[in-house]
């Protein structure tokens, strides 16, 4: 039975990846710098490990996994902090490099749509990366570093550029948890931006299933957009959430300004993802586990 290590296991995405792994015939090592935050089970071992702390042999420290799903990254959601390239980038490269040199053969690593920068419209894996904030820059730099590392120390790598995700456990300042909180409070009005932005949304249950499918079944696909491939206006997805909750709420559009670190209209081209998984498989994953 293969062993899969998951860094950032107590985080928003990590907890849902653990849930998706529970249905697979694998042993799981759930890694977090905090001992709490996720449940253990007969096939899930908790392991406290802080990437920020020097480790001579991270592969051994992770119990010598066959596959690493690397989700850890600190400093979010402050995308503009210099911390991302001053601190996070060298930490994560060293951690992954020493793990590979120690014997790790396969890595799934979470990237970001912010690697594409302020480019508008549909974004494919062939779109040149022009990151415009420190977070996007740092993730793209790590992807390039790992690509160069593969030339001297071969290993399988799937680098997934994540678009917009929503669902339980998300940072409380994000749109979905704010909307859910307003519903619980019985608010009649929900303050938001103008809502005209076109984005690419995936619910967290679907994202967790896609990550596990790529990491376990498609271990060396290079860069892959992890997205729905369907642009939707922010005001429309919020209206959809309200309809799912049967909540008669007025959207107070324009209350908040538009973010200046992202373009007004962008979404992912999911052609490569469909080729990897098969169109029907991806469609079924998108239908499953939708949250409201």
Foldseek 3Di string as FASTA:
>chain_A
DFEEEEEPLLAPLNVLLVVLCVPPPYAYEYEYCDQDRHDADPRYHYAHDDLQDDDQALCVSSVNGQEYEYDDDDDPPPQADLCLVVPGLVSVLVNVLNNLVNPHAFYEYEAAPLQQWADFDADEPPRHGDHDHSRSVSRVVSLVSVVVSCVVRNHAYEYEHEWAEDDPRDDCVDDRNLLVVCVVVVHQEDEDEQQQFWGFYAYSNLLSNLSVCCRPPPGHDRYAYPTDQDIDGRVVVSVVVCVVVVHNHHYNYHRDYDDPGYYRHYYYHHPSVCVVQPVVRSVVSRVPDDDD
